[in-house]
């Protein structure tokens, strides 16, 4: 749970400082779901930014970029896109690992 909270904190801080929440009109949508695969159920967290100023991909990878790229619980299952409309990030981890945290 601590890893999830740290990830959300860093995403929100980045959105406020540099992303879609850095000026009026920005919006963040957060979705979560559980994939019901019989052999390995999974947890999915989706972060979508919209509105606000244009977003560009950072020129260097700092602590926050490395933390985000590690994903949930360090699982590394991250689909991260710095799209023209805003940051799009999908994090996935086995549900069993999320429940044991």
PDB file of N, CA and C in Angstrom:
ATOM      1  N   UNK A   1       0.815  -1.195   0.000  1.00  0.00           N
ATOM      2  CA  UNK A   1       0.000   0.000   0.000  1.00  0.00           C
ATOM      3  C   UNK A   1       0.863   1.264   0.000  1.00  0.00           C
ATOM      4  N   UNK A   2       1.974   1.217   0.705  1.00  0.00           N
ATOM      5  CA  UNK A   2       2.855   2.378   0.757  1.00  0.00           C
ATOM      6  C   UNK A   2       3.398   2.717  -0.631  1.00  0.00           C
ATOM      7  N   UNK A   3       3.755   1.688  -1.409  1.00  0.00           N
ATOM      8  CA  UNK A   3       4.250   1.931  -2.767  1.00  0.00           C
ATOM      9  C   UNK A   3       3.208   2.599  -3.644  1.00  0.00           C
ATOM     10  N   UNK A   4       1.954   2.168  -3.529  1.00  0.00           N
ATOM     11  CA  UNK A   4       0.856   2.765  -4.296  1.00  0.00           C
ATOM     12  C   UNK A   4       0.667   4.228  -3.901  1.00  0.00           C
ATOM     13  N   UNK A   5       0.693   4.504  -2.607  1.00  0.00           N
ATOM     14  CA  UNK A   5       0.523   5.886  -2.140  1.00  0.00           C
ATOM     15  C   UNK A   5       1.671   6.782  -2.595  1.00  0.00           C
ATOM     16  N   UNK A   6       2.886   6.259  -2.561  1.00  0.00           N
ATOM     17  CA  UNK A   6       4.038   7.036  -3.020  1.00  0.00           C
ATOM     18  C   UNK A   6       3.935   7.323  -4.514  1.00  0.00           C
ATOM     19  N   UNK A   7       3.531   6.333  -5.276  1.00  0.00           N
ATOM     20  CA  UNK A   7       3.355   6.512  -6.719  1.00  0.00           C
ATOM     21  C   UNK A   7       2.307   7.589  -7.010  1.00  0.00           C
ATOM     22  N   UNK A   8       1.149   7.516  -6.347  1.00  0.00           N
ATOM     23  CA  UNK A   8       0.092   8.514  -6.554  1.00  0.00           C
ATOM     24  C   UNK A   8       0.546   9.909  -6.124  1.00  0.00           C
ATOM     25  N   UNK A   9       1.277   9.985  -5.028  1.00  0.00           N
ATOM     26  CA  UNK A   9       1.788  11.271  -4.557  1.00  0.00           C
ATOM     27  C   UNK A   9       2.720  11.899  -5.596  1.00  0.00           C
ATOM     28  N   UNK A  10       3.613  11.096  -6.156  1.00  0.00           N
ATOM     29  CA  UNK A  10       4.560  11.621  -7.136  1.00  0.00           C
ATOM     30  C   UNK A  10       3.870  12.021  -8.443  1.00  0.00           C
ATOM     31  N   UNK A  11       2.891  11.235  -8.878  1.00  0.00           N
ATOM     32  CA  UNK A  11       2.130  11.603 -10.078  1.00  0.00           C
ATOM     33  C   UNK A  11       1.386  12.915  -9.863  1.00  0.00           C
ATOM     34  N   UNK A  12       0.742  13.056  -8.704  1.00  0.00           N
ATOM     35  CA  UNK A  12      -0.018  14.277  -8.409  1.00  0.00           C
ATOM     36  C   UNK A  12       0.908  15.487  -8.292  1.00  0.00           C
ATOM     37  N   UNK A  13       2.033  15.321  -7.617  1.00  0.00           N
ATOM     38  CA  UNK A  13       2.992  16.419  -7.469  1.00  0.00           C
ATOM     39  C   UNK A  13       3.509  16.865  -8.836  1.00  0.00           C
ATOM     40  N   UNK A  14       3.833  15.912  -9.673  1.00  0.00           N
ATOM     41  CA  UNK A  14       4.311  16.225 -11.016  1.00  0.00           C
ATOM     42  C   UNK A  14       3.233  16.929 -11.844  1.00  0.00           C
ATOM     43  N   UNK A  15       1.988  16.482 -11.730  1.00  0.00           N
ATOM     44  CA  UNK A  15       0.881  17.116 -12.467  1.00  0.00           C
ATOM     45  C   UNK A  15       0.670  18.561 -12.013  1.00  0.00           C
ATOM     46  N   UNK A  16       0.846  18.826 -10.712  1.00  0.00           N
ATOM     47  CA  UNK A  16       0.663  20.184 -10.182  1.00  0.00           C
ATOM     48  C   UNK A  16       1.824  21.085 -10.593  1.00  0.00           C
ATOM     49  N   UNK A  17       3.040  20.550 -10.581  1.00  0.00           N
ATOM     50  CA  UNK A  17       4.207  21.369 -10.898  1.00  0.00           C
ATOM     51  C   UNK A  17       4.413  21.578 -12.397  1.00  0.00           C
ATOM     52  N   UNK A  18       4.214  20.504 -13.201  1.00  0.00           N
ATOM     53  CA  UNK A  18       4.576  20.580 -14.618  1.00  0.00           C
ATOM     54  C   UNK A  18       3.458  20.172 -15.570  1.00  0.00           C
ATOM     55  N   UNK A  19       2.484  19.453 -15.094  1.00  0.00           N
ATOM     56  CA  UNK A  19       1.491  18.846 -15.971  1.00  0.00           C
ATOM     57  C   UNK A  19       0.188  19.612 -16.061  1.00  0.00           C
ATOM     58  N   UNK A  20      -0.855  18.873 -16.271  1.00  0.00           N
ATOM     59  CA  UNK A  20      -2.170  19.444 -16.553  1.00  0.00           C
ATOM     60  C   UNK A  20      -2.795  20.176 -15.373  1.00  0.00           C
ATOM     61  N   UNK A  21      -2.309  19.957 -14.156  1.00  0.00           N
ATOM     62  CA  UNK A  21      -2.857  20.673 -12.997  1.00  0.00           C
ATOM     63  C   UNK A  21      -2.047  21.913 -12.642  1.00  0.00           C
ATOM     64  N   UNK A  22      -1.081  22.274 -13.499  1.00  0.00           N
ATOM     65  CA  UNK A  22      -0.238  23.435 -13.205  1.00  0.00           C
ATOM     66  C   UNK A  22      -0.917  24.759 -13.539  1.00  0.00           C
ATOM     67  N   UNK A  23      -2.075  24.725 -14.185  1.00  0.00           N
ATOM     68  CA  UNK A  23      -2.853  25.938 -14.435  1.00  0.00           C
ATOM     69  C   UNK A  23      -4.328  25.538 -14.481  1.00  0.00           C
ATOM     70  N   UNK A  24      -5.187  26.525 -14.555  1.00  0.00           N
ATOM     71  CA  UNK A  24      -6.624  26.246 -14.588  1.00  0.00           C
ATOM     72  C   UNK A  24      -7.026  25.404 -15.786  1.00  0.00           C
ATOM     73  N   UNK A  25      -8.071  24.646 -15.630  1.00  0.00           N
ATOM     74  CA  UNK A  25      -8.618  23.874 -16.737  1.00  0.00           C
ATOM     75  C   UNK A  25      -8.101  22.457 -16.851  1.00  0.00           C
ATOM     76  N   UNK A  26      -7.112  22.091 -16.034  1.00  0.00           N
ATOM     77  CA  UNK A  26      -6.568  20.740 -16.097  1.00  0.00           C
ATOM     78  C   UNK A  26      -7.409  19.760 -15.286  1.00  0.00           C
ATOM     79  N   UNK A  27      -7.314  18.509 -15.667  1.00  0.00           N
ATOM     80  CA  UNK A  27      -8.111  17.466 -15.030  1.00  0.00           C
ATOM     81  C   UNK A  27      -7.316  16.170 -15.009  1.00  0.00           C
ATOM     82  N   UNK A  28      -7.417  15.430 -13.913  1.00  0.00           N
ATOM     83  CA  UNK A  28      -6.826  14.102 -13.818  1.00  0.00           C
ATOM     84  C   UNK A  28      -7.946  13.110 -13.548  1.00  0.00           C
ATOM     85  N   UNK A  29      -7.965  12.045 -14.323  1.00  0.00           N
ATOM     86  CA  UNK A  29      -8.923  10.962 -14.107  1.00  0.00           C
ATOM     87  C   UNK A  29      -8.129   9.747 -13.643  1.00  0.00           C
ATOM     88  N   UNK A  30      -8.573   9.166 -12.548  1.00  0.00           N
ATOM     89  CA  UNK A  30      -7.925   7.992 -11.978  1.00  0.00           C
ATOM     90  C   UNK A  30      -8.932   6.855 -11.983  1.00  0.00           C
ATOM     91  N   UNK A  31      -8.550   5.727 -12.594  1.00  0.00           N
ATOM     92  CA  UNK A  31      -9.433   4.561 -12.651  1.00  0.00           C
ATOM     93  C   UNK A  31      -8.692   3.364 -12.104  1.00  0.00           C
ATOM     94  N   UNK A  32      -9.414   2.490 -11.449  1.00  0.00           N
ATOM     95  CA  UNK A  32      -8.825   1.242 -10.997  1.00  0.00           C
ATOM     96  C   UNK A  32      -9.758   0.111 -11.362  1.00  0.00           C
ATOM     97  N   UNK A  33      -9.173  -1.041 -11.621  1.00  0.00           N
ATOM     98  CA  UNK A  33      -9.984  -2.211 -11.942  1.00  0.00           C
ATOM     99  C   UNK A  33      -9.216  -3.466 -11.560  1.00  0.00           C
ATOM    100  N   UNK A  34      -9.958  -4.532 -11.408  1.00  0.00           N
ATOM    101  CA  UNK A  34      -9.374  -5.843 -11.148  1.00  0.00           C
ATOM    102  C   UNK A  34      -9.720  -6.730 -12.335  1.00  0.00           C
ATOM    103  N   UNK A  35      -8.704  -7.282 -12.947  1.00  0.00           N
ATOM    104  CA  UNK A  35      -8.891  -8.190 -14.069  1.00  0.00           C
ATOM    105  C   UNK A  35      -9.136  -9.580 -13.497  1.00  0.00           C
ATOM    106  N   UNK A  36     -10.197 -10.213 -13.908  1.00  0.00           N
ATOM    107  CA  UNK A  36     -10.591 -11.485 -13.327  1.00  0.00           C
ATOM    108  C   UNK A  36     -10.094 -12.661 -14.164  1.00  0.00           C
ATOM    109  N   UNK A  37      -8.784 -12.788 -14.273  1.00  0.00           N
ATOM    110  CA  UNK A  37      -8.202 -13.947 -14.961  1.00  0.00           C
ATOM    111  C   UNK A  37      -8.083 -15.075 -13.944  1.00  0.00           C
ATOM    112  N   UNK A  38      -8.600 -16.223 -14.249  1.00  0.00           N
ATOM    113  CA  UNK A  38      -8.650 -17.336 -13.297  1.00  0.00           C
ATOM    114  C   UNK A  38      -7.264 -17.736 -12.807  1.00  0.00           C
ATOM    115  N   UNK A  39      -6.274 -17.761 -13.694  1.00  0.00           N
ATOM    116  CA  UNK A  39      -4.950 -18.222 -13.295  1.00  0.00           C
ATOM    117  C   UNK A  39      -4.109 -17.154 -12.596  1.00  0.00           C
ATOM    118  N   UNK A  40      -4.340 -15.866 -12.890  1.00  0.00           N
ATOM    119  CA  UNK A  40      -3.541 -14.805 -12.289  1.00  0.00           C
ATOM    120  C   UNK A  40      -4.298 -13.478 -12.318  1.00  0.00           C
ATOM    121  N   UNK A  41      -5.242 -13.279 -11.385  1.00  0.00           N
ATOM    122  CA  UNK A  41      -5.987 -12.020 -11.381  1.00  0.00           C
ATOM    123  C   UNK A  41      -5.046 -10.823 -11.193  1.00  0.00           C
ATOM    124  N   UNK A  42      -5.395  -9.716 -11.832  1.00  0.00           N
ATOM    125  CA  UNK A  42      -4.522  -8.554 -11.775  1.00  0.00           C
ATOM    126  C   UNK A  42      -5.242  -7.282 -11.371  1.00  0.00           C
ATOM    127  N   UNK A  43      -4.454  -6.330 -10.895  1.00  0.00           N
ATOM    128  CA  UNK A  43      -4.930  -5.006 -10.515  1.00  0.00           C
ATOM    129  C   UNK A  43      -4.406  -4.023 -11.546  1.00  0.00           C
ATOM    130  N   UNK A  44      -5.264  -3.120 -12.006  1.00  0.00           N
ATOM    131  CA  UNK A  44      -4.868  -2.106 -12.997  1.00  0.00           C
ATOM    132  C   UNK A  44      -5.258  -0.727 -12.468  1.00  0.00           C
ATOM    133  N   UNK A  45      -4.307   0.205 -12.572  1.00  0.00           N
ATOM    134  CA  UNK A  45      -4.528   1.598 -12.198  1.00  0.00           C
ATOM    135  C   UNK A  45      -4.212   2.451 -13.414  1.00  0.00           C
ATOM    136  N   UNK A  46      -5.159   3.305 -13.806  1.00  0.00           N
ATOM    137  CA  UNK A  46      -4.983   4.166 -14.977  1.00  0.00           C
ATOM    138  C   UNK A  46      -5.036   5.622 -14.543  1.00  0.00           C
ATOM    139  N   UNK A  47      -4.043   6.398 -14.957  1.00  0.00           N
ATOM    140  CA  UNK A  47      -3.928   7.837 -14.676  1.00  0.00           C
ATOM    141  C   UNK A  47      -3.990   8.558 -16.012  1.00  0.00           C
ATOM    142  N   UNK A  48      -4.970   9.454 -16.180  1.00  0.00           N
ATOM    143  CA  UNK A  48      -5.125  10.202 -17.432  1.00  0.00           C
ATOM    144  C   UNK A  48      -5.214  11.687 -17.122  1.00  0.00           C
ATOM    145  N   UNK A  49      -4.370  12.478 -17.770  1.00  0.00           N
ATOM    146  CA  UNK A  49      -4.414  13.926 -17.621  1.00  0.00           C
ATOM    147  C   UNK A  49      -5.026  14.542 -18.875  1.00  0.00           C
ATOM    148  N   UNK A  50      -5.799  15.607 -18.702  1.00  0.00           N
ATOM    149  CA  UNK A  50      -6.433  16.297 -19.829  1.00  0.00           C
ATOM    150  C   UNK A  50      -6.561  17.782 -19.496  1.00  0.00           C
ATOM    151  N   UNK A  51      -6.770  18.594 -20.538  1.00  0.00           N
ATOM    152  CA  UNK A  51      -6.917  20.035 -20.352  1.00  0.00           C
ATOM    153  C   UNK A  51      -5.598  20.667 -19.934  1.00  0.00           C
ATOM    154  N   UNK A  52      -5.637  21.922 -19.547  1.00  0.00           N
ATOM    155  CA  UNK A  52      -4.436  22.591 -19.068  1.00  0.00           C
ATOM    156  C   UNK A  52      -3.384  22.774 -20.154  1.00  0.00           C
ATOM    157  N   UNK A  53      -2.152  23.099 -19.734  1.00  0.00           N
ATOM    158  CA  UNK A  53      -1.082  23.392 -20.696  1.00  0.00           C
ATOM    159  C   UNK A  53      -0.564  22.132 -21.384  1.00  0.00           C
ATOM    160  N   UNK A  54       0.145  22.340 -22.486  1.00  0.00           N
ATOM    161  CA  UNK A  54       0.765  21.225 -23.207  1.00  0.00           C
ATOM    162  C   UNK A  54       1.809  20.550 -22.328  1.00  0.00           C
ATOM    163  N   UNK A  55       1.953  19.256 -22.515  1.00  0.00           N
ATOM    164  CA  UNK A  55       2.917  18.478 -21.745  1.00  0.00           C
ATOM    165  C   UNK A  55       4.001  17.984 -22.691  1.00  0.00           C
ATOM    166  N   UNK A  56       5.253  18.080 -22.261  1.00  0.00           N
ATOM    167  CA  UNK A  56       6.351  17.534 -23.037  1.00  0.00           C
ATOM    168  C   UNK A  56       7.083  16.496 -22.195  1.00  0.00           C
ATOM    169  N   UNK A  57       7.679  15.549 -22.873  1.00  0.00           N
ATOM    170  CA  UNK A  57       8.420  14.508 -22.171  1.00  0.00           C
ATOM    171  C   UNK A  57       9.661  15.124 -21.537  1.00  0.00           C
ATOM    172  N   UNK A  58       9.967  14.735 -20.286  1.00  0.00           N
ATOM    173  CA  UNK A  58      11.146  15.321 -19.631  1.00  0.00           C
ATOM    174  C   UNK A  58      12.427  14.958 -20.370  1.00  0.00           C
ATOM    175  N   UNK A  59      13.389  15.868 -20.333  1.00  0.00           N
ATOM    176  CA  UNK A  59      14.651  15.648 -21.018  1.00  0.00           C
ATOM    177  C   UNK A  59      15.555  14.660 -20.304  1.00  0.00           C
ATOM    178  N   UNK A  60      15.380  14.498 -19.003  1.00  0.00           N
ATOM    179  CA  UNK A  60      16.212  13.556 -18.252  1.00  0.00           C
ATOM    180  C   UNK A  60      15.332  12.747 -17.315  1.00  0.00           C
ATOM    181  N   UNK A  61      15.855  11.623 -16.869  1.00  0.00           N
ATOM    182  CA  UNK A  61      15.112  10.774 -15.951  1.00  0.00           C
ATOM    183  C   UNK A  61      15.614  11.019 -14.535  1.00  0.00           C
ATOM    184  N   UNK A  62      14.778  11.649 -13.724  1.00  0.00           N
ATOM    185  CA  UNK A  62      15.099  11.880 -12.333  1.00  0.00           C
ATOM    186  C   UNK A  62      14.455  10.811 -11.458  1.00  0.00           C
ATOM    187  N   UNK A  63      14.433  11.068 -10.158  1.00  0.00           N
ATOM    188  CA  UNK A  63      13.873  10.113  -9.203  1.00  0.00           C
ATOM    189  C   UNK A  63      12.427   9.779  -9.527  1.00  0.00           C
ATOM    190  N   UNK A  64      11.630  10.812  -9.789  1.00  0.00           N
ATOM    191  CA  UNK A  64      10.198  10.594 -10.043  1.00  0.00           C
ATOM    192  C   UNK A  64       9.991   9.745 -11.294  1.00  0.00           C
ATOM    193  N   UNK A  65      10.720  10.048 -12.366  1.00  0.00           N
ATOM    194  CA  UNK A  65      10.590   9.260 -13.603  1.00  0.00           C
ATOM    195  C   UNK A  65      10.959   7.807 -13.365  1.00  0.00           C
ATOM    196  N   UNK A  66      12.020   7.576 -12.602  1.00  0.00           N
ATOM    197  CA  UNK A  66      12.436   6.192 -12.314  1.00  0.00           C
ATOM    198  C   UNK A  66      11.410   5.496 -11.437  1.00  0.00           C
ATOM    199  N   UNK A  67      10.873   6.203 -10.446  1.00  0.00           N
ATOM    200  CA  UNK A  67       9.857   5.620  -9.561  1.00  0.00           C
ATOM    201  C   UNK A  67       8.621   5.232 -10.359  1.00  0.00           C
ATOM    202  N   UNK A  68       8.154   6.104 -11.233  1.00  0.00           N
ATOM    203  CA  UNK A  68       6.977   5.832 -12.040  1.00  0.00           C
ATOM    204  C   UNK A  68       7.235   4.650 -12.979  1.00  0.00           C
ATOM    205  N   UNK A  69       8.425   4.592 -13.567  1.00  0.00           N
ATOM    206  CA  UNK A  69       8.709   3.504 -14.503  1.00  0.00           C
ATOM    207  C   UNK A  69       8.825   2.151 -13.811  1.00  0.00           C
ATOM    208  N   UNK A  70       9.044   2.129 -12.493  1.00  0.00           N
ATOM    209  CA  UNK A  70       9.068   0.868 -11.746  1.00  0.00           C
ATOM    210  C   UNK A  70       7.669   0.290 -11.593  1.00  0.00           C
ATOM    211  N   UNK A  71       6.662   1.156 -11.604  1.00  0.00           N
ATOM    212  CA  UNK A  71       5.282   0.690 -11.517  1.00  0.00           C
ATOM    213  C   UNK A  71       4.844   0.352 -10.108  1.00  0.00           C
ATOM    214  N   UNK A  72       3.731  -0.345 -10.009  1.00  0.00           N
ATOM    215  CA  UNK A  72       3.181  -0.761  -8.733  1.00  0.00           C
ATOM    216  C   UNK A  72       4.041  -1.860  -8.136  1.00  0.00           C
ATOM    217  N   UNK A  73       4.450  -1.692  -6.911  1.00  0.00           N
ATOM    218  CA  UNK A  73       5.222  -2.707  -6.194  1.00  0.00           C
ATOM    219  C   UNK A  73       6.511  -3.084  -6.903  1.00  0.00           C
ATOM    220  N   UNK A  74       7.030  -2.192  -7.738  1.00  0.00           N
ATOM    221  CA  UNK A  74       8.245  -2.504  -8.475  1.00  0.00           C
ATOM    222  C   UNK A  74       8.046  -3.568  -9.540  1.00  0.00           C
ATOM    223  N   UNK A  75       6.774  -3.780  -9.928  1.00  0.00           N
ATOM    224  CA  UNK A  75       6.469  -4.843 -10.886  1.00  0.00           C
ATOM    225  C   UNK A  75       6.968  -4.525 -12.284  1.00  0.00           C
ATOM    226  N   UNK A  76       7.141  -3.224 -12.599  1.00  0.00           N
ATOM    227  CA  UNK A  76       7.641  -2.830 -13.901  1.00  0.00           C
ATOM    228  C   UNK A  76       6.646  -2.918 -15.035  1.00  0.00           C
ATOM    229  N   UNK A  77       5.398  -3.265 -14.761  1.00  0.00           N
ATOM    230  CA  UNK A  77       4.378  -3.331 -15.816  1.00  0.00           C
ATOM    231  C   UNK A  77       3.719  -1.960 -15.939  1.00  0.00           C
ATOM    232  N   UNK A  78       4.336  -1.122 -16.754  1.00  0.00           N
ATOM    233  CA  UNK A  78       3.880   0.256 -16.909  1.00  0.00           C
ATOM    234  C   UNK A  78       3.772   0.588 -18.389  1.00  0.00           C
ATOM    235  N   UNK A  79       2.648   1.177 -18.769  1.00  0.00           N
ATOM    236  CA  UNK A  79       2.485   1.724 -20.114  1.00  0.00           C
ATOM    237  C   UNK A  79       2.380   3.226 -19.920  1.00  0.00           C
ATOM    238  N   UNK A  80       3.433   3.945 -20.240  1.00  0.00           N
ATOM    239  CA  UNK A  80       3.525   5.376 -19.972  1.00  0.00           C
ATOM    240  C   UNK A  80       3.689   6.119 -21.286  1.00  0.00           C
ATOM    241  N   UNK A  81       2.780   7.074 -21.538  1.00  0.00           N
ATOM    242  CA  UNK A  81       2.849   7.879 -22.761  1.00  0.00           C
ATOM    243  C   UNK A  81       2.686   9.353 -22.404  1.00  0.00           C
ATOM    244  N   UNK A  82       3.574  10.131 -22.928  1.00  0.00           N
ATOM    245  CA  UNK A  82       3.468  11.579 -22.786  1.00  0.00           C
ATOM    246  C   UNK A  82       2.796  12.079 -24.060  1.00  0.00           C
ATOM    247  N   UNK A  83       1.477  11.907 -24.133  1.00  0.00           N
ATOM    248  CA  UNK A  83       0.700  12.248 -25.324  1.00  0.00           C
ATOM    249  C   UNK A  83       0.461  13.754 -25.382  1.00  0.00           C
ATOM    250  N   UNK A  84       0.167  14.290 -26.570  1.00  0.00           N
ATOM    251  CA  UNK A  84      -0.115  15.730 -26.689  1.00  0.00           C
ATOM    252  C   UNK A  84      -1.250  16.185 -25.762  1.00  0.00           C
ATOM    253  N   UNK A  85      -2.224  15.333 -25.553  1.00  0.00           N
ATOM    254  CA  UNK A  85      -3.348  15.683 -24.686  1.00  0.00           C
ATOM    255  C   UNK A  85      -3.042  15.615 -23.207  1.00  0.00           C
ATOM    256  N   UNK A  86      -1.950  14.951 -22.843  1.00  0.00           N
ATOM    257  CA  UNK A  86      -1.575  14.826 -21.446  1.00  0.00           C
ATOM    258  C   UNK A  86      -0.954  13.474 -21.142  1.00  0.00           C
ATOM    259  N   UNK A  87      -0.460  13.343 -19.938  1.00  0.00           N
ATOM    260  CA  UNK A  87       0.172  12.104 -19.512  1.00  0.00           C
ATOM    261  C   UNK A  87      -0.865  10.987 -19.415  1.00  0.00           C
ATOM    262  N   UNK A  88      -0.521   9.838 -19.973  1.00  0.00           N
ATOM    263  CA  UNK A  88      -1.361   8.646 -19.872  1.00  0.00           C
ATOM    264  C   UNK A  88      -0.490   7.548 -19.279  1.00  0.00           C
ATOM    265  N   UNK A  89      -0.905   6.983 -18.158  1.00  0.00           N
ATOM    266  CA  UNK A  89      -0.125   5.936 -17.507  1.00  0.00           C
ATOM    267  C   UNK A  89      -1.049   4.815 -17.057  1.00  0.00           C
ATOM    268  N   UNK A  90      -0.657   3.586 -17.373  1.00  0.00           N
ATOM    269  CA  UNK A  90      -1.398   2.405 -16.943  1.00  0.00           C
ATOM    270  C   UNK A  90      -0.417   1.514 -16.186  1.00  0.00           C
ATOM    271  N   UNK A  91      -0.753   1.212 -14.947  1.00  0.00           N
ATOM    272  CA  UNK A  91       0.085   0.387 -14.083  1.00  0.00           C
ATOM    273  C   UNK A  91      -0.651  -0.915 -13.806  1.00  0.00           C
ATOM    274  N   UNK A  92       0.073  -2.032 -13.875  1.00  0.00           N
ATOM    275  CA  UNK A  92      -0.540  -3.327 -13.601  1.00  0.00           C
ATOM    276  C   UNK A  92       0.340  -4.120 -12.652  1.00  0.00           C
ATOM    277  N   UNK A  93      -0.303  -4.902 -11.791  1.00  0.00           N
ATOM    278  CA  UNK A  93       0.401  -5.781 -10.862  1.00  0.00           C
ATOM    279  C   UNK A  93      -0.513  -6.952 -10.521  1.00  0.00           C
ATOM    280  N   UNK A  94       0.081  -8.078 -10.145  1.00  0.00           N
ATOM    281  CA  UNK A  94      -0.752  -9.209  -9.716  1.00  0.00           C
ATOM    282  C   UNK A  94      -1.579  -8.814  -8.491  1.00  0.00           C
ATOM    283  N   UNK A  95      -2.846  -9.164  -8.512  1.00  0.00           N
ATOM    284  CA  UNK A  95      -3.749  -8.815  -7.412  1.00  0.00           C
ATOM    285  C   UNK A  95      -3.257  -9.405  -6.093  1.00  0.00           C
ATOM    286  N   UNK A  96      -2.704 -10.590  -6.129  1.00  0.00           N
ATOM    287  CA  UNK A  96      -2.215 -11.227  -4.892  1.00  0.00           C
ATOM    288  C   UNK A  96      -1.131 -10.388  -4.228  1.00  0.00           C
ATOM    289  N   UNK A  97      -0.267  -9.748  -5.012  1.00  0.00           N
ATOM    290  CA  UNK A  97       0.772  -8.888  -4.434  1.00  0.00           C
ATOM    291  C   UNK A  97       0.192  -7.604  -3.890  1.00  0.00           C
ATOM    292  N   UNK A  98      -0.838  -7.069  -4.522  1.00  0.00           N
ATOM    293  CA  UNK A  98      -1.485  -5.853  -4.022  1.00  0.00           C
ATOM    294  C   UNK A  98      -2.177  -6.129  -2.686  1.00  0.00           C
ATOM    295  N   UNK A  99      -2.787  -7.294  -2.557  1.00  0.00           N
ATOM    296  CA  UNK A  99      -3.510  -7.636  -1.336  1.00  0.00           C
ATOM    297  C   UNK A  99      -2.566  -7.918  -0.174  1.00  0.00           C
ATOM    298  N   UNK A 100      -1.353  -8.371  -0.456  1.00  0.00           N
ATOM    299  CA  UNK A 100      -0.420  -8.701   0.617  1.00  0.00           C
ATOM    300  C   UNK A 100       0.353  -7.473   1.106  1.00  0.00           C
ATOM    301  N   UNK A 101       0.270  -6.373   0.382  1.00  0.00           N
ATOM    302  CA  UNK A 101       0.996  -5.152   0.761  1.00  0.00           C
ATOM    303  C   UNK A 101       0.372  -4.496   1.947  1.00  0.00           C
TER     304      UNK A 101
END
